[in-house]
Amino acid sequence: MILKAFSKYLQNFNADVPAVIALSKWLREKIIKEPEDNVDRVIQKELAILKNKRGLFLIVARSDSGRVLLDSLYEFALSFDNHKFSRWLHKVKASDFS
């Protein structure tokens, strides 16, 4: 359910931005705003944002299940980027590099 919501977000996100950056933006939006559905509630219960004085933030898990969720989302974002790259590489010809 959470991966499905994130994949819908990725489909509408700028294709030039890496999926890991999109993930951090999506999670930050989900954690900060009022929960609208179960996806928001689970993310807010399992993850937290830590900010420093410079305004930089870090998303951390509140529990072991939150760690698994964060790892799964991160792996999904990496696989999405790898899939985009492999599709691009499949379209490229050897003559394009000369």
C-alpha atoms as a PDB file:
ATOM      1  CA  MET A   1       0.000   0.000   0.000  1.00  0.00           C
ATOM      2  CA  ILE A   2       2.830   2.432   0.839  1.00  0.00           C
ATOM      3  CA  LEU A   3       4.983   1.334  -2.102  1.00  0.00           C
ATOM      4  CA  LYS A   4       1.977   1.753  -4.383  1.00  0.00           C
ATOM      5  CA  ALA A   5       1.417   5.311  -3.123  1.00  0.00           C
ATOM      6  CA  PHE A   6       5.097   6.141  -3.600  1.00  0.00           C
ATOM      7  CA  SER A   7       5.144   4.653  -7.110  1.00  0.00           C
ATOM      8  CA  LYS A   8       2.164   6.851  -8.063  1.00  0.00           C
ATOM      9  CA  TYR A   9       4.079   9.842  -6.710  1.00  0.00           C
ATOM     10  CA  LEU A  10       7.147   8.868  -8.773  1.00  0.00           C
ATOM     11  CA  GLN A  11       5.101   8.636 -11.964  1.00  0.00           C
ATOM     12  CA  ASN A  12       4.077  12.275 -11.599  1.00  0.00           C
ATOM     13  CA  PHE A  13       7.492  13.506 -10.408  1.00  0.00           C
ATOM     14  CA  ASN A  14      10.158  15.160 -12.570  1.00  0.00           C
ATOM     15  CA  ALA A  15      12.033  12.424 -14.462  1.00  0.00           C
ATOM     16  CA  ASP A  16      15.394  14.239 -14.205  1.00  0.00           C
ATOM     17  CA  VAL A  17      15.473  14.057 -10.403  1.00  0.00           C
ATOM     18  CA  PRO A  18      16.761  10.824  -8.826  1.00  0.00           C
ATOM     19  CA  ALA A  19      14.100   8.729  -7.133  1.00  0.00           C
ATOM     20  CA  VAL A  20      15.941   8.858  -3.787  1.00  0.00           C
ATOM     21  CA  ILE A  21      15.545  12.635  -3.727  1.00  0.00           C
ATOM     22  CA  ALA A  22      11.889  12.244  -4.668  1.00  0.00           C
ATOM     23  CA  LEU A  23      11.550   9.771  -1.790  1.00  0.00           C
ATOM     24  CA  SER A  24      12.944  12.226   0.737  1.00  0.00           C
ATOM     25  CA  LYS A  25      10.615  14.957  -0.521  1.00  0.00           C
ATOM     26  CA  TRP A  26       7.601  12.624  -0.464  1.00  0.00           C
ATOM     27  CA  LEU A  27       8.356  11.376   3.056  1.00  0.00           C
ATOM     28  CA  ARG A  28       8.923  14.907   4.339  1.00  0.00           C
ATOM     29  CA  GLU A  29       5.551  15.977   2.914  1.00  0.00           C
ATOM     30  CA  LYS A  30       3.809  12.930   4.411  1.00  0.00           C
ATOM     31  CA  ILE A  31       5.329  13.413   7.868  1.00  0.00           C
ATOM     32  CA  ILE A  32       4.722  17.160   8.135  1.00  0.00           C
ATOM     33  CA  LYS A  33       1.109  17.393   6.964  1.00  0.00           C
ATOM     34  CA  GLU A  34      -2.032  16.172   8.685  1.00  0.00           C
ATOM     35  CA  PRO A  35      -2.745  12.502   7.889  1.00  0.00           C
ATOM     36  CA  GLU A  36      -5.343  12.027   5.158  1.00  0.00           C
ATOM     37  CA  ASP A  37      -5.287   8.242   4.831  1.00  0.00           C
ATOM     38  CA  ASN A  38      -3.708   5.110   6.279  1.00  0.00           C
ATOM     39  CA  VAL A  39      -0.495   5.621   4.296  1.00  0.00           C
ATOM     40  CA  ASP A  40       0.063   8.979   6.020  1.00  0.00           C
ATOM     41  CA  ARG A  41      -0.783   7.519   9.428  1.00  0.00           C
ATOM     42  CA  VAL A  42       1.628   4.607   9.083  1.00  0.00           C
ATOM     43  CA  ILE A  43       4.440   6.827   7.831  1.00  0.00           C
ATOM     44  CA  GLN A  44       3.928   9.295  10.681  1.00  0.00           C
ATOM     45  CA  LYS A  45       3.846   6.496  13.242  1.00  0.00           C
ATOM     46  CA  GLU A  46       6.940   4.690  11.935  1.00  0.00           C
ATOM     47  CA  LEU A  47       9.197   7.554  10.744  1.00  0.00           C
ATOM     48  CA  ALA A  48      10.381  10.874  12.121  1.00  0.00           C
ATOM     49  CA  ILE A  49      12.284  13.898  10.837  1.00  0.00           C
ATOM     50  CA  LEU A  50      15.274  15.291  12.699  1.00  0.00           C
ATOM     51  CA  LYS A  51      16.411  18.821  11.773  1.00  0.00           C
ATOM     52  CA  ASN A  52      19.590  20.666  12.650  1.00  0.00           C
ATOM     53  CA  LYS A  53      20.228  24.396  13.005  1.00  0.00           C
ATOM     54  CA  ARG A  54      21.211  24.718   9.337  1.00  0.00           C
ATOM     55  CA  GLY A  55      17.842  23.408   8.205  1.00  0.00           C
ATOM     56  CA  LEU A  56      19.143  20.048   7.029  1.00  0.00           C
ATOM     57  CA  PHE A  57      16.973  17.089   7.881  1.00  0.00           C
ATOM     58  CA  LEU A  58      17.325  13.386   8.447  1.00  0.00           C
ATOM     59  CA  ILE A  59      14.540  10.833   8.226  1.00  0.00           C
ATOM     60  CA  VAL A  60      14.857   8.133  10.878  1.00  0.00           C
ATOM     61  CA  ALA A  61      12.841   5.109  11.912  1.00  0.00           C
ATOM     62  CA  ARG A  62      11.072   5.078  15.268  1.00  0.00           C
ATOM     63  CA  SER A  63      11.023   1.277  15.517  1.00  0.00           C
ATOM     64  CA  ASP A  64      12.272  -1.877  13.838  1.00  0.00           C
ATOM     65  CA  SER A  65       9.240  -1.971  11.553  1.00  0.00           C
ATOM     66  CA  GLY A  66       9.949   1.656  10.612  1.00  0.00           C
ATOM     67  CA  ARG A  67      13.504   0.673   9.725  1.00  0.00           C
ATOM     68  CA  VAL A  68      12.201  -2.091   7.477  1.00  0.00           C
ATOM     69  CA  LEU A  69       9.770   0.367   5.871  1.00  0.00           C
ATOM     70  CA  LEU A  70      12.504   2.941   5.264  1.00  0.00           C
ATOM     71  CA  ASP A  71      14.869   0.301   3.855  1.00  0.00           C
ATOM     72  CA  SER A  72      12.141  -1.021   1.547  1.00  0.00           C
ATOM     73  CA  LEU A  73      11.289   2.444   0.251  1.00  0.00           C
ATOM     74  CA  TYR A  74      14.970   3.226  -0.302  1.00  0.00           C
ATOM     75  CA  GLU A  75      15.554  -0.043  -2.182  1.00  0.00           C
ATOM     76  CA  PHE A  76      12.462   0.627  -4.286  1.00  0.00           C
ATOM     77  CA  ALA A  77      13.756   4.102  -5.191  1.00  0.00           C
ATOM     78  CA  LEU A  78      17.136   2.651  -6.187  1.00  0.00           C
ATOM     79  CA  SER A  79      15.518  -0.052  -8.300  1.00  0.00           C
ATOM     80  CA  PHE A  80      13.347   2.583  -9.992  1.00  0.00           C
ATOM     81  CA  ASP A  81      16.473   4.560 -10.953  1.00  0.00           C
ATOM     82  CA  ASN A  82      18.208   1.398 -12.156  1.00  0.00           C
ATOM     83  CA  HIS A  83      15.171   0.518 -14.258  1.00  0.00           C
ATOM     84  CA  LYS A  84      15.122   4.000 -15.834  1.00  0.00           C
ATOM     85  CA  PHE A  85      18.840   3.723 -16.611  1.00  0.00           C
ATOM     86  CA  SER A  86      18.525   0.257 -18.153  1.00  0.00           C
ATOM     87  CA  ARG A  87      15.637   1.429 -20.352  1.00  0.00           C
ATOM     88  CA  TRP A  88      17.740   4.385 -21.511  1.00  0.00           C
ATOM     89  CA  LEU A  89      20.758   2.152 -22.119  1.00  0.00           C
ATOM     90  CA  HIS A  90      18.673  -0.289 -24.142  1.00  0.00           C
ATOM     91  CA  LYS A  91      17.648   2.523 -26.499  1.00  0.00           C
ATOM     92  CA  VAL A  92      21.220   3.795 -27.005  1.00  0.00           C
ATOM     93  CA  LYS A  93      23.250   2.546 -29.945  1.00  0.00           C
ATOM     94  CA  ALA A  94      27.016   2.119 -30.030  1.00  0.00           C
ATOM     95  CA  SER A  95      27.234   4.760 -32.770  1.00  0.00           C
ATOM     96  CA  ASP A  96      25.799   7.338 -30.352  1.00  0.00           C
ATOM     97  CA  PHE A  97      29.105   7.341 -28.439  1.00  0.00           C
ATOM     98  CA  SER A  98      31.422   8.067 -31.365  1.00  0.00           C
END
